[in-house]
Each structure stands twice: as structure tokens, then as C-alpha cells.
């Protein structure tokens, strides 16, 4: 009976994962025209004065730039993290935001980014630039993909704003995995090395419970 229940749960998780992946692809398809229009608008924002800050090697690069694979954004709220119980499903702590990060590429190299989000006026670009962060996200995703063999579309981004922690995430054998963007010696997180999300949440739980809720 236990084997049958375990098998049923595995099947249900797989079905949920497939539905979620399909919904994500439908979202990306819907907002692609917005992202493409935003890329054209980006060229009007890049000047002789700010092109380096925006991530480009010359003001002209943005004119031939293309969009990379979009990355959906999720966050972990402090109040929910404080209530986490080790052994429970880590997926339940994830809250989908309306943000989708688009790397901006020049000759297949990440230069900058555009973030598309749903606002009261509909889907639109809410930020341009952030070259250092998007390069970190993209390089982590690429290295992890080489190890897992997963397509880039299988990945998403997870933020724990209260603790200033950032990960790219994916599922492996129906288990949620986190890949830290940066080393954290105290927490023993290694950049670009996959960890079970359950392990991550159990590790940061004491910090979450001790957090006073104020920005850090």
C-alpha cells in the first residue's frame, strides 16, 4: 500500500510539474511581443554617457542586441519561511511574482537585461540594465544546465529578499533544487553547486526566525 501511495504521489507531482511548465511557456509566449518592443525602446535609453553602466561595450551594441531565454521570478516571503517545518514540501514556500527577466545578448554574450512585469496598465518593461546581476544568473544557469542536461526553460529564479539570498532553481527527479548564485561560507552554500531546496530552507530557518523584519 505504501509503495502504491508513493507511486501515486510521484505521478501527481509529475503531472503538476508538467502543467506548471506548460503555463510558464504560455506566459512567455504571451509577453514575448512586449519584450521585443521593450528591446527596441532600450536602444533609445542607451547613450554615450551610460552605455557602460547599462552593460554594453559601445553605444551601438544595443542596436544589434537580441533577447535571451526568459527566466520567471519567484520569491520566498519571510513570514512563510519562519513557519517552515523541515520535511515539509519546499515548493509551498515559493510565491510567483509577476516579474520575468530577459537577458539581453550581443553575439551570444550576456550584456544587460530587461525585466517585464504585470502592472495595473498591463504587461510592460519595469527595468533596464542590471548587467552584473543578469550575468551572474545566466552563468549559473548555464553551468548547471551542463551538469543536469536540462533545457534553460526548465530553470527559474528564486529570491529570499529578507536574507539577501538568490538562486536559480530547477526540478530533478521531481525534487526542487536550488543553485546558489554566490558562495556563502557561513551557510556553507557553494556557488553553482545544486542543493536540495529542503536543505536550503532548513539551513536558513534559524536566520529567518531571528530576523526582525527590517530591511538589511
N, C-alpha and C. Protein backbone atom coordinates (compact mmCIF):
# COMPACT_ATOMS: atom_id res chain seq x y z
N UNK A 1 0.83 -1.21 0.00
CA UNK A 1 0.00 0.00 0.00
C UNK A 1 0.86 1.25 0.00
N UNK A 2 1.96 1.25 0.84
CA UNK A 2 2.84 2.40 0.91
C UNK A 2 3.50 2.66 -0.44
N UNK A 3 3.88 1.57 -1.13
CA UNK A 3 4.51 1.70 -2.44
C UNK A 3 3.53 2.31 -3.43
N UNK A 4 2.27 1.87 -3.36
CA UNK A 4 1.24 2.39 -4.27
C UNK A 4 1.01 3.87 -4.03
N UNK A 5 0.94 4.26 -2.75
CA UNK A 5 0.73 5.68 -2.42
C UNK A 5 1.91 6.51 -2.88
N UNK A 6 3.13 5.98 -2.65
CA UNK A 6 4.33 6.70 -3.08
C UNK A 6 4.35 6.89 -4.59
N UNK A 7 3.97 5.83 -5.32
CA UNK A 7 3.94 5.91 -6.78
C UNK A 7 2.90 6.93 -7.25
N UNK A 8 1.75 6.94 -6.56
CA UNK A 8 0.69 7.88 -6.92
C UNK A 8 1.14 9.32 -6.70
N UNK A 9 1.83 9.57 -5.59
CA UNK A 9 2.33 10.91 -5.30
C UNK A 9 3.34 11.35 -6.35
N UNK A 10 4.19 10.42 -6.76
CA UNK A 10 5.19 10.73 -7.79
C UNK A 10 4.51 11.12 -9.09
N UNK A 11 3.47 10.37 -9.46
CA UNK A 11 2.73 10.66 -10.70
C UNK A 11 2.06 12.03 -10.59
N UNK A 12 1.45 12.31 -9.44
CA UNK A 12 0.78 13.60 -9.25
C UNK A 12 1.76 14.75 -9.33
N UNK A 13 2.94 14.59 -8.73
CA UNK A 13 3.97 15.63 -8.79
C UNK A 13 4.41 15.87 -10.22
N UNK A 14 4.54 14.79 -10.98
CA UNK A 14 4.96 14.90 -12.38
C UNK A 14 3.91 15.64 -13.19
N UNK A 15 2.63 15.31 -12.96
CA UNK A 15 1.55 15.98 -13.68
C UNK A 15 1.52 17.47 -13.35
N UNK A 16 1.63 17.79 -12.06
CA UNK A 16 1.64 19.20 -11.64
C UNK A 16 2.80 19.94 -12.26
N UNK A 17 3.97 19.29 -12.29
CA UNK A 17 5.16 19.90 -12.88
C UNK A 17 4.96 20.18 -14.36
N UNK A 18 4.34 19.23 -15.07
CA UNK A 18 4.11 19.40 -16.50
C UNK A 18 3.12 20.53 -16.76
N UNK A 19 2.06 20.61 -15.94
CA UNK A 19 1.08 21.68 -16.09
C UNK A 19 1.72 23.03 -15.83
N UNK A 20 2.54 23.10 -14.77
CA UNK A 20 3.21 24.35 -14.43
C UNK A 20 4.14 24.79 -15.55
N UNK A 21 4.89 23.84 -16.12
CA UNK A 21 5.80 24.15 -17.22
C UNK A 21 5.03 24.66 -18.44
N UNK A 22 3.88 24.05 -18.70
CA UNK A 22 3.06 24.48 -19.83
C UNK A 22 2.54 25.90 -19.61
N UNK A 23 2.10 26.19 -18.39
CA UNK A 23 1.61 27.53 -18.08
C UNK A 23 2.71 28.57 -18.22
N UNK A 24 3.92 28.20 -17.82
CA UNK A 24 5.05 29.11 -17.94
C UNK A 24 5.35 29.43 -19.38
N UNK A 25 5.34 28.40 -20.23
CA UNK A 25 5.60 28.61 -21.65
C UNK A 25 4.52 29.47 -22.30
N UNK A 26 3.28 29.28 -21.87
CA UNK A 26 2.18 30.11 -22.39
C UNK A 26 2.36 31.57 -21.97
N UNK A 27 2.83 31.77 -20.74
CA UNK A 27 3.11 33.13 -20.26
C UNK A 27 4.20 33.78 -21.09
N UNK A 28 5.28 33.04 -21.32
CA UNK A 28 6.39 33.58 -22.10
C UNK A 28 5.95 33.94 -23.51
N UNK A 29 5.12 33.09 -24.09
CA UNK A 29 4.62 33.35 -25.45
C UNK A 29 3.77 34.61 -25.47
N UNK A 30 2.97 34.80 -24.43
CA UNK A 30 2.07 35.95 -24.38
C UNK A 30 2.84 37.26 -24.25
N UNK A 31 3.92 37.27 -23.46
CA UNK A 31 4.62 38.54 -23.21
C UNK A 31 5.80 38.77 -24.14
N UNK A 32 6.08 37.81 -25.03
CA UNK A 32 7.21 37.97 -25.95
C UNK A 32 7.12 39.26 -26.77
N UNK A 33 5.94 39.61 -27.33
CA UNK A 33 5.85 40.87 -28.09
C UNK A 33 6.19 42.09 -27.23
N UNK A 34 5.81 42.06 -25.96
CA UNK A 34 6.12 43.16 -25.05
C UNK A 34 7.63 43.26 -24.85
N UNK A 35 8.28 42.10 -24.69
CA UNK A 35 9.73 42.08 -24.50
C UNK A 35 10.45 42.60 -25.74
N UNK A 36 9.97 42.20 -26.92
CA UNK A 36 10.60 42.65 -28.16
C UNK A 36 10.45 44.16 -28.35
N UNK A 37 9.28 44.68 -28.03
CA UNK A 37 9.07 46.12 -28.12
C UNK A 37 9.97 46.85 -27.12
N UNK A 38 10.12 46.27 -25.94
CA UNK A 38 10.94 46.88 -24.90
C UNK A 38 12.41 46.90 -25.31
N UNK A 39 12.83 45.87 -26.04
CA UNK A 39 14.22 45.84 -26.52
C UNK A 39 14.47 47.00 -27.48
N UNK A 40 13.50 47.29 -28.33
CA UNK A 40 13.63 48.43 -29.25
C UNK A 40 13.69 49.74 -28.46
N UNK A 41 12.89 49.83 -27.42
CA UNK A 41 12.90 51.03 -26.58
C UNK A 41 14.22 51.17 -25.84
N UNK A 42 14.84 50.03 -25.53
CA UNK A 42 16.11 50.03 -24.80
C UNK A 42 17.16 50.84 -25.57
N UNK A 43 17.16 50.69 -26.89
CA UNK A 43 18.16 51.38 -27.71
C UNK A 43 18.07 52.90 -27.55
N UNK A 44 16.89 53.39 -27.20
CA UNK A 44 16.72 54.83 -27.02
C UNK A 44 17.21 55.30 -25.65
N UNK A 45 17.41 54.33 -24.74
CA UNK A 45 17.85 54.68 -23.39
C UNK A 45 19.36 54.64 -23.23
N UNK A 46 20.03 53.96 -24.16
CA UNK A 46 21.49 53.81 -24.08
C UNK A 46 22.16 54.99 -24.76
N UNK A 47 23.06 55.66 -24.05
CA UNK A 47 23.73 56.85 -24.57
C UNK A 47 25.25 56.72 -24.42
N UNK A 48 25.95 57.72 -24.93
CA UNK A 48 27.40 57.78 -24.77
C UNK A 48 27.79 57.83 -23.30
N UNK A 49 26.93 58.40 -22.50
CA UNK A 49 27.24 58.59 -21.08
C UNK A 49 26.96 57.36 -20.23
N UNK A 50 25.99 56.52 -20.63
CA UNK A 50 25.59 55.43 -19.72
C UNK A 50 25.76 54.02 -20.29
N UNK A 51 26.32 53.87 -21.50
CA UNK A 51 26.34 52.54 -22.12
C UNK A 51 27.12 51.52 -21.30
N UNK A 52 28.20 51.95 -20.64
CA UNK A 52 28.95 51.01 -19.80
C UNK A 52 28.13 50.61 -18.58
N UNK A 53 27.48 51.56 -17.97
CA UNK A 53 26.63 51.28 -16.82
C UNK A 53 25.51 50.31 -17.18
N UNK A 54 25.02 50.42 -18.42
CA UNK A 54 23.96 49.53 -18.90
C UNK A 54 24.50 48.15 -19.30
N UNK A 55 25.83 48.02 -19.40
CA UNK A 55 26.42 46.72 -19.67
C UNK A 55 26.99 46.53 -21.06
N UNK A 56 26.95 47.55 -21.89
CA UNK A 56 27.41 47.42 -23.28
C UNK A 56 28.85 47.93 -23.45
N UNK A 57 29.51 47.42 -24.48
CA UNK A 57 30.88 47.83 -24.76
C UNK A 57 30.95 49.07 -25.64
N UNK A 58 29.84 49.40 -26.26
CA UNK A 58 29.74 50.62 -27.06
C UNK A 58 28.27 51.02 -27.12
N UNK A 59 27.97 52.26 -27.42
CA UNK A 59 26.57 52.69 -27.51
C UNK A 59 25.82 51.98 -28.63
N UNK A 60 26.57 51.54 -29.65
CA UNK A 60 25.93 50.93 -30.82
C UNK A 60 25.52 49.48 -30.59
N UNK A 61 26.14 48.82 -29.61
CA UNK A 61 25.86 47.39 -29.41
C UNK A 61 24.38 47.09 -29.20
N UNK A 62 23.70 47.96 -28.51
CA UNK A 62 22.29 47.70 -28.19
C UNK A 62 21.44 47.59 -29.45
N UNK A 63 21.88 48.20 -30.53
CA UNK A 63 21.10 48.17 -31.78
C UNK A 63 21.06 46.79 -32.42
N UNK A 64 22.06 45.95 -32.13
CA UNK A 64 22.08 44.60 -32.69
C UNK A 64 21.84 43.53 -31.62
N UNK A 65 21.47 43.97 -30.43
CA UNK A 65 21.24 43.03 -29.33
C UNK A 65 19.95 42.23 -29.55
N UNK A 66 19.91 41.04 -28.97
CA UNK A 66 18.73 40.18 -29.05
C UNK A 66 18.35 39.73 -27.64
N UNK A 67 17.15 39.21 -27.52
CA UNK A 67 16.68 38.71 -26.24
C UNK A 67 17.12 37.27 -26.00
N UNK A 68 17.54 36.99 -24.78
CA UNK A 68 17.84 35.62 -24.40
C UNK A 68 16.61 34.93 -23.86
N UNK A 69 16.78 33.70 -23.37
CA UNK A 69 15.66 32.93 -22.82
C UNK A 69 15.14 33.59 -21.54
N UNK A 70 13.83 33.80 -21.43
CA UNK A 70 13.26 34.44 -20.24
C UNK A 70 13.35 33.55 -19.01
N UNK A 71 13.42 34.20 -17.86
CA UNK A 71 13.53 33.50 -16.58
C UNK A 71 12.46 34.03 -15.64
N UNK A 72 11.56 33.15 -15.22
CA UNK A 72 10.49 33.57 -14.31
C UNK A 72 11.02 33.76 -12.90
N UNK A 73 10.45 34.72 -12.18
CA UNK A 73 10.93 35.09 -10.86
C UNK A 73 9.96 34.62 -9.76
N UNK A 74 10.54 34.02 -8.73
CA UNK A 74 9.78 33.62 -7.54
C UNK A 74 10.47 34.20 -6.31
N UNK A 75 9.71 34.41 -5.26
CA UNK A 75 10.30 34.88 -4.02
C UNK A 75 9.81 34.04 -2.85
N UNK A 76 10.57 34.10 -1.75
CA UNK A 76 10.19 33.42 -0.52
C UNK A 76 9.94 34.49 0.53
N UNK A 77 8.72 34.58 1.00
CA UNK A 77 8.35 35.59 1.99
C UNK A 77 8.87 35.20 3.37
N UNK A 78 9.31 36.20 4.12
CA UNK A 78 9.86 35.95 5.45
C UNK A 78 8.84 35.31 6.38
N UNK A 79 7.61 35.78 6.36
CA UNK A 79 6.61 35.24 7.28
C UNK A 79 6.34 33.77 7.03
N UNK A 80 6.36 33.37 5.76
CA UNK A 80 6.12 31.96 5.45
C UNK A 80 7.36 31.12 5.75
N UNK A 81 8.54 31.71 5.53
CA UNK A 81 9.77 30.98 5.82
C UNK A 81 9.88 30.70 7.31
N UNK A 82 9.47 31.63 8.14
CA UNK A 82 9.54 31.43 9.59
C UNK A 82 8.67 30.26 10.04
N UNK A 83 7.63 29.96 9.28
CA UNK A 83 6.71 28.87 9.64
C UNK A 83 7.11 27.54 9.02
N UNK A 84 8.20 27.54 8.26
CA UNK A 84 8.61 26.30 7.57
C UNK A 84 8.99 25.23 8.59
N UNK A 85 8.56 24.01 8.31
CA UNK A 85 8.91 22.87 9.14
C UNK A 85 9.74 21.91 8.30
N UNK A 86 10.98 21.61 8.72
CA UNK A 86 11.82 20.68 7.96
C UNK A 86 11.07 19.39 7.67
N UNK A 87 11.16 18.96 6.43
CA UNK A 87 10.46 17.76 6.00
C UNK A 87 9.19 18.06 5.23
N UNK A 88 8.70 19.29 5.33
CA UNK A 88 7.51 19.66 4.57
C UNK A 88 7.90 20.04 3.15
N UNK A 89 6.93 20.21 2.27
CA UNK A 89 7.21 20.48 0.87
C UNK A 89 7.79 21.88 0.69
N UNK A 90 9.01 21.99 0.18
CA UNK A 90 9.62 23.31 -0.01
C UNK A 90 8.92 24.15 -1.08
N UNK A 91 8.27 23.47 -2.03
CA UNK A 91 7.58 24.18 -3.11
C UNK A 91 6.54 25.17 -2.59
N UNK A 92 5.96 24.83 -1.44
CA UNK A 92 4.87 25.64 -0.91
C UNK A 92 5.33 27.01 -0.41
N UNK A 93 6.65 27.19 -0.26
CA UNK A 93 7.17 28.48 0.18
C UNK A 93 7.35 29.46 -0.98
N UNK A 94 7.30 28.95 -2.21
CA UNK A 94 7.55 29.81 -3.37
C UNK A 94 6.31 30.61 -3.74
N UNK A 95 6.51 31.89 -3.94
CA UNK A 95 5.44 32.77 -4.40
C UNK A 95 5.85 33.36 -5.73
N UNK A 96 5.06 33.10 -6.76
CA UNK A 96 5.38 33.65 -8.09
C UNK A 96 5.14 35.15 -8.09
N UNK A 97 6.14 35.90 -8.53
CA UNK A 97 5.94 37.33 -8.73
C UNK A 97 5.50 37.51 -10.18
N UNK A 98 5.23 38.72 -10.56
CA UNK A 98 4.85 38.97 -11.96
C UNK A 98 6.07 39.30 -12.82
N UNK A 99 7.26 39.19 -12.23
CA UNK A 99 8.48 39.58 -12.95
C UNK A 99 9.03 38.46 -13.81
N UNK A 100 9.46 38.82 -15.01
CA UNK A 100 10.16 37.90 -15.90
C UNK A 100 11.42 38.61 -16.38
N UNK A 101 12.56 37.98 -16.15
CA UNK A 101 13.85 38.55 -16.51
C UNK A 101 14.28 38.08 -17.89
N UNK A 102 14.59 39.01 -18.76
CA UNK A 102 15.10 38.70 -20.10
C UNK A 102 16.55 39.14 -20.20
N UNK A 103 17.50 38.20 -20.34
CA UNK A 103 18.87 38.61 -20.64
C UNK A 103 18.91 39.28 -22.01
N UNK A 104 19.75 40.27 -22.16
CA UNK A 104 19.95 40.93 -23.45
C UNK A 104 21.34 40.54 -23.94
N UNK A 105 21.38 39.93 -25.13
CA UNK A 105 22.61 39.35 -25.65
C UNK A 105 23.17 40.13 -26.83
N UNK A 106 24.48 40.14 -26.91
CA UNK A 106 25.18 40.65 -28.08
C UNK A 106 26.18 39.58 -28.51
N UNK A 107 25.94 39.00 -29.69
CA UNK A 107 26.78 37.90 -30.18
C UNK A 107 26.86 36.78 -29.15
N UNK A 108 25.72 36.40 -28.62
CA UNK A 108 25.55 35.29 -27.68
C UNK A 108 26.16 35.54 -26.31
N UNK A 109 26.65 36.75 -26.07
CA UNK A 109 27.19 37.10 -24.76
C UNK A 109 26.20 37.99 -24.02
N UNK A 110 25.99 37.67 -22.74
CA UNK A 110 25.05 38.47 -21.94
C UNK A 110 25.65 39.84 -21.67
N UNK A 111 24.89 40.86 -22.00
CA UNK A 111 25.33 42.23 -21.77
C UNK A 111 24.49 42.94 -20.69
N UNK A 112 23.18 42.75 -20.75
CA UNK A 112 22.29 43.50 -19.89
C UNK A 112 20.99 42.73 -19.70
N UNK A 113 19.96 43.41 -19.24
CA UNK A 113 18.68 42.71 -19.03
C UNK A 113 17.51 43.68 -19.11
N UNK A 114 16.35 43.09 -19.34
CA UNK A 114 15.08 43.80 -19.29
C UNK A 114 14.14 42.98 -18.40
N UNK A 115 13.49 43.63 -17.47
CA UNK A 115 12.51 42.94 -16.63
C UNK A 115 11.11 43.37 -17.05
N UNK A 116 10.30 42.38 -17.40
CA UNK A 116 8.90 42.60 -17.77
C UNK A 116 8.03 42.21 -16.59
N UNK A 117 7.04 43.02 -16.28
CA UNK A 117 6.16 42.72 -15.15
C UNK A 117 4.73 43.14 -15.46
N UNK A 118 3.80 42.51 -14.78
CA UNK A 118 2.40 42.87 -14.93
C UNK A 118 2.06 44.01 -13.99
N UNK A 119 1.63 45.13 -14.55
CA UNK A 119 1.26 46.30 -13.76
C UNK A 119 -0.24 46.57 -13.94
N UNK A 120 -0.72 47.62 -13.33
CA UNK A 120 -2.14 47.98 -13.48
C UNK A 120 -2.48 48.35 -14.92
N UNK A 121 -1.44 48.69 -15.70
CA UNK A 121 -1.63 49.03 -17.11
C UNK A 121 -1.32 47.87 -18.04
N UNK A 122 -1.14 46.68 -17.47
CA UNK A 122 -0.81 45.51 -18.28
C UNK A 122 0.66 45.17 -18.20
N UNK A 123 1.08 44.25 -19.06
CA UNK A 123 2.48 43.83 -19.07
C UNK A 123 3.34 44.91 -19.72
N UNK A 124 4.45 45.24 -19.05
CA UNK A 124 5.36 46.23 -19.60
C UNK A 124 6.73 46.12 -18.95
N UNK A 125 7.72 46.75 -19.57
CA UNK A 125 9.07 46.75 -19.01
C UNK A 125 9.10 47.64 -17.77
N UNK A 126 9.70 47.13 -16.70
CA UNK A 126 9.79 47.91 -15.46
C UNK A 126 11.23 48.24 -15.09
N UNK A 127 12.20 47.59 -15.75
CA UNK A 127 13.59 47.94 -15.50
C UNK A 127 14.47 47.52 -16.67
N UNK A 128 15.54 48.29 -16.86
CA UNK A 128 16.53 48.02 -17.89
C UNK A 128 17.91 48.08 -17.24
N UNK A 129 18.82 47.24 -17.70
CA UNK A 129 20.19 47.29 -17.17
C UNK A 129 20.48 46.11 -16.25
N UNK A 130 21.09 46.40 -15.09
CA UNK A 130 21.44 45.33 -14.15
C UNK A 130 22.38 44.30 -14.74
N UNK A 131 23.46 44.73 -15.43
CA UNK A 131 24.32 43.77 -16.12
C UNK A 131 25.01 42.76 -15.20
N UNK A 132 25.47 43.20 -14.05
CA UNK A 132 26.20 42.29 -13.16
C UNK A 132 25.30 41.17 -12.65
N UNK A 133 24.09 41.52 -12.26
CA UNK A 133 23.18 40.50 -11.72
C UNK A 133 22.77 39.50 -12.79
N UNK A 134 22.39 39.99 -13.97
CA UNK A 134 21.92 39.06 -15.01
C UNK A 134 23.06 38.18 -15.51
N UNK A 135 24.29 38.68 -15.51
CA UNK A 135 25.42 37.84 -15.90
C UNK A 135 25.63 36.72 -14.89
N UNK A 136 25.44 37.04 -13.62
CA UNK A 136 25.58 36.04 -12.56
C UNK A 136 24.49 34.98 -12.69
N UNK A 137 23.26 35.42 -12.92
CA UNK A 137 22.15 34.48 -13.09
C UNK A 137 22.38 33.59 -14.30
N UNK A 138 22.74 34.19 -15.42
CA UNK A 138 22.91 33.44 -16.67
C UNK A 138 24.06 32.46 -16.60
N UNK A 139 25.20 32.87 -16.04
CA UNK A 139 26.34 31.96 -15.95
C UNK A 139 26.05 30.79 -15.02
N UNK A 140 25.33 31.05 -13.94
CA UNK A 140 24.95 29.98 -13.01
C UNK A 140 24.01 28.99 -13.69
N UNK A 141 23.05 29.51 -14.40
CA UNK A 141 22.08 28.68 -15.12
C UNK A 141 22.78 27.82 -16.18
N UNK A 142 23.68 28.43 -16.93
CA UNK A 142 24.38 27.72 -18.00
C UNK A 142 25.23 26.58 -17.43
N UNK A 143 25.98 26.87 -16.36
CA UNK A 143 26.83 25.84 -15.76
C UNK A 143 26.00 24.70 -15.19
N UNK A 144 24.88 25.03 -14.55
CA UNK A 144 24.01 24.00 -14.00
C UNK A 144 23.40 23.15 -15.11
N UNK A 145 23.02 23.80 -16.20
CA UNK A 145 22.42 23.08 -17.33
C UNK A 145 23.39 22.06 -17.92
N UNK A 146 24.67 22.38 -17.91
CA UNK A 146 25.68 21.45 -18.41
C UNK A 146 25.73 20.18 -17.56
N UNK A 147 25.49 20.36 -16.27
CA UNK A 147 25.54 19.22 -15.34
C UNK A 147 24.25 18.40 -15.40
N UNK A 148 23.11 19.09 -15.41
CA UNK A 148 21.82 18.39 -15.35
C UNK A 148 21.33 17.91 -16.71
N UNK A 149 21.77 18.58 -17.77
CA UNK A 149 21.26 18.27 -19.10
C UNK A 149 19.89 18.87 -19.36
N UNK A 150 19.41 19.69 -18.43
CA UNK A 150 18.10 20.31 -18.58
C UNK A 150 18.16 21.51 -19.52
N UNK A 151 17.06 21.75 -20.22
CA UNK A 151 16.96 22.93 -21.06
C UNK A 151 16.85 24.18 -20.19
N UNK A 152 17.28 25.31 -20.74
CA UNK A 152 17.22 26.56 -19.98
C UNK A 152 15.80 26.87 -19.51
N UNK A 153 14.82 26.46 -20.29
CA UNK A 153 13.42 26.75 -19.95
C UNK A 153 12.96 26.01 -18.69
N UNK A 154 13.76 25.04 -18.24
CA UNK A 154 13.41 24.29 -17.03
C UNK A 154 13.79 25.04 -15.75
N UNK A 155 14.51 26.14 -15.92
CA UNK A 155 15.02 26.88 -14.77
C UNK A 155 14.16 28.11 -14.46
N UNK A 156 14.22 28.53 -13.21
CA UNK A 156 13.58 29.77 -12.79
C UNK A 156 14.41 30.38 -11.67
N UNK A 157 14.07 31.58 -11.29
CA UNK A 157 14.85 32.30 -10.29
C UNK A 157 14.09 32.35 -8.98
N UNK A 158 14.82 32.19 -7.87
CA UNK A 158 14.22 32.25 -6.54
C UNK A 158 15.01 33.24 -5.68
N UNK A 159 14.29 34.16 -5.08
CA UNK A 159 14.91 35.16 -4.20
C UNK A 159 14.37 35.02 -2.78
N UNK A 160 15.27 35.21 -1.82
CA UNK A 160 14.86 35.32 -0.41
C UNK A 160 15.27 36.72 0.01
N UNK A 161 14.45 37.72 -0.28
CA UNK A 161 14.86 39.12 -0.08
C UNK A 161 15.26 39.46 1.35
N UNK A 162 14.57 38.89 2.32
CA UNK A 162 14.85 39.23 3.72
C UNK A 162 16.26 38.83 4.14
N UNK A 163 16.80 37.79 3.51
CA UNK A 163 18.14 37.31 3.85
C UNK A 163 19.15 37.59 2.75
N UNK A 164 18.71 38.32 1.72
CA UNK A 164 19.59 38.69 0.61
C UNK A 164 20.23 37.47 -0.05
N UNK A 165 19.41 36.45 -0.32
CA UNK A 165 19.88 35.22 -0.94
C UNK A 165 19.21 35.05 -2.30
N UNK A 166 19.99 34.56 -3.26
CA UNK A 166 19.49 34.41 -4.63
C UNK A 166 19.91 33.06 -5.20
N UNK A 167 18.99 32.43 -5.92
CA UNK A 167 19.24 31.11 -6.50
C UNK A 167 18.62 31.03 -7.89
N UNK A 168 19.17 30.14 -8.73
CA UNK A 168 18.39 29.63 -9.85
C UNK A 168 17.91 28.26 -9.40
N UNK A 169 16.76 27.85 -9.88
CA UNK A 169 16.14 26.63 -9.38
C UNK A 169 15.65 25.76 -10.52
N UNK A 170 15.52 24.48 -10.22
CA UNK A 170 15.00 23.52 -11.21
C UNK A 170 14.50 22.29 -10.46
N UNK A 171 13.82 21.44 -11.17
CA UNK A 171 13.38 20.17 -10.60
C UNK A 171 14.24 19.04 -11.16
N UNK A 172 14.63 18.13 -10.29
CA UNK A 172 15.40 16.96 -10.70
C UNK A 172 14.76 15.75 -10.04
N UNK A 173 14.26 14.83 -10.87
CA UNK A 173 13.53 13.66 -10.34
C UNK A 173 12.42 14.11 -9.40
N UNK A 174 11.68 15.14 -9.83
CA UNK A 174 10.53 15.68 -9.09
C UNK A 174 10.90 16.32 -7.76
N UNK A 175 12.19 16.60 -7.56
CA UNK A 175 12.62 17.27 -6.33
C UNK A 175 13.13 18.66 -6.66
N UNK A 176 12.69 19.64 -5.88
CA UNK A 176 13.09 21.03 -6.09
C UNK A 176 14.54 21.23 -5.67
N UNK A 177 15.34 21.78 -6.59
CA UNK A 177 16.75 22.01 -6.35
C UNK A 177 17.07 23.50 -6.47
N UNK A 178 17.95 23.99 -5.61
CA UNK A 178 18.42 25.37 -5.67
C UNK A 178 19.90 25.39 -6.02
N UNK A 179 20.28 26.37 -6.83
CA UNK A 179 21.69 26.57 -7.17
C UNK A 179 22.07 27.98 -6.73
N UNK A 180 22.87 28.13 -5.67
CA UNK A 180 23.24 29.46 -5.19
C UNK A 180 24.01 30.25 -6.24
N UNK A 181 23.71 31.55 -6.31
CA UNK A 181 24.45 32.41 -7.24
C UNK A 181 25.83 32.75 -6.70
N UNK A 182 25.95 32.78 -5.36
CA UNK A 182 27.21 33.19 -4.73
C UNK A 182 27.55 32.26 -3.57
N UNK A 183 28.84 32.20 -3.27
CA UNK A 183 29.30 31.46 -2.10
C UNK A 183 28.78 32.13 -0.83
N UNK A 184 28.50 31.31 0.16
CA UNK A 184 28.18 31.81 1.49
C UNK A 184 28.86 30.88 2.48
N UNK A 185 30.02 31.33 2.96
CA UNK A 185 30.83 30.48 3.83
C UNK A 185 30.10 30.10 5.11
N UNK A 186 29.41 31.05 5.71
CA UNK A 186 28.73 30.78 6.97
C UNK A 186 27.64 29.73 6.82
N UNK A 187 26.88 29.82 5.72
CA UNK A 187 25.80 28.87 5.49
C UNK A 187 26.26 27.62 4.74
N UNK A 188 27.52 27.64 4.31
CA UNK A 188 28.11 26.53 3.56
C UNK A 188 27.40 26.31 2.22
N UNK A 189 27.02 27.43 1.57
CA UNK A 189 26.48 27.38 0.22
C UNK A 189 27.63 27.62 -0.75
N UNK A 190 27.71 26.81 -1.78
CA UNK A 190 28.75 26.98 -2.79
C UNK A 190 28.11 27.42 -4.10
N UNK A 191 28.65 28.46 -4.68
CA UNK A 191 28.11 29.00 -5.93
C UNK A 191 28.11 27.92 -7.00
N UNK A 192 26.99 27.83 -7.73
CA UNK A 192 26.81 26.95 -8.88
C UNK A 192 26.74 25.46 -8.52
N UNK A 193 26.64 25.15 -7.23
CA UNK A 193 26.52 23.75 -6.80
C UNK A 193 25.08 23.51 -6.33
N UNK A 194 24.38 22.59 -6.98
CA UNK A 194 22.97 22.33 -6.66
C UNK A 194 22.80 21.78 -5.25
N UNK A 195 21.75 22.23 -4.60
CA UNK A 195 21.37 21.74 -3.28
C UNK A 195 19.88 21.47 -3.27
N UNK A 196 19.45 20.55 -2.44
CA UNK A 196 18.02 20.35 -2.27
C UNK A 196 17.43 21.59 -1.63
N UNK A 197 16.30 22.04 -2.15
CA UNK A 197 15.64 23.21 -1.58
C UNK A 197 15.30 22.98 -0.11
N UNK A 198 14.94 21.75 0.20
CA UNK A 198 14.61 21.41 1.59
C UNK A 198 15.80 21.67 2.51
N UNK A 199 17.01 21.33 2.02
CA UNK A 199 18.23 21.56 2.80
C UNK A 199 18.49 23.04 2.97
N UNK A 200 18.29 23.80 1.89
CA UNK A 200 18.49 25.25 1.96
C UNK A 200 17.57 25.88 2.99
N UNK A 201 16.29 25.54 2.93
CA UNK A 201 15.32 26.14 3.85
C UNK A 201 15.60 25.75 5.30
N UNK A 202 16.00 24.51 5.52
CA UNK A 202 16.33 24.07 6.88
C UNK A 202 17.55 24.82 7.41
N UNK A 203 18.50 25.10 6.51
CA UNK A 203 19.73 25.80 6.90
C UNK A 203 19.47 27.25 7.26
N UNK A 204 18.61 27.92 6.49
CA UNK A 204 18.39 29.36 6.72
C UNK A 204 17.24 29.63 7.70
N UNK A 205 16.58 28.58 8.15
CA UNK A 205 15.44 28.75 9.06
C UNK A 205 15.80 29.50 10.35
N UNK A 206 16.94 29.19 11.01
CA UNK A 206 17.29 29.95 12.23
C UNK A 206 17.47 31.44 11.95
N UNK A 207 18.08 31.78 10.81
CA UNK A 207 18.25 33.19 10.45
C UNK A 207 16.90 33.86 10.23
N UNK A 208 16.00 33.13 9.60
CA UNK A 208 14.66 33.68 9.34
C UNK A 208 13.92 33.95 10.64
N UNK A 209 13.98 33.00 11.56
CA UNK A 209 13.26 33.16 12.82
C UNK A 209 13.84 34.29 13.67
N UNK A 210 15.14 34.55 13.49
CA UNK A 210 15.79 35.62 14.26
C UNK A 210 15.64 36.99 13.60
N UNK A 211 15.12 37.00 12.37
CA UNK A 211 15.00 38.25 11.61
C UNK A 211 13.90 39.14 12.20
N UNK A 212 14.20 40.43 12.33
CA UNK A 212 13.23 41.36 12.91
C UNK A 212 12.29 41.98 11.88
N UNK A 213 12.47 41.58 10.61
CA UNK A 213 11.58 42.07 9.57
C UNK A 213 12.00 43.38 8.95
N UNK A 214 13.07 44.00 9.47
CA UNK A 214 13.55 45.26 8.92
C UNK A 214 14.48 45.01 7.74
N UNK A 215 14.54 45.93 6.77
CA UNK A 215 15.42 45.76 5.60
C UNK A 215 16.88 45.63 6.02
N UNK A 216 17.63 44.83 5.26
CA UNK A 216 19.05 44.65 5.54
C UNK A 216 19.86 44.97 4.29
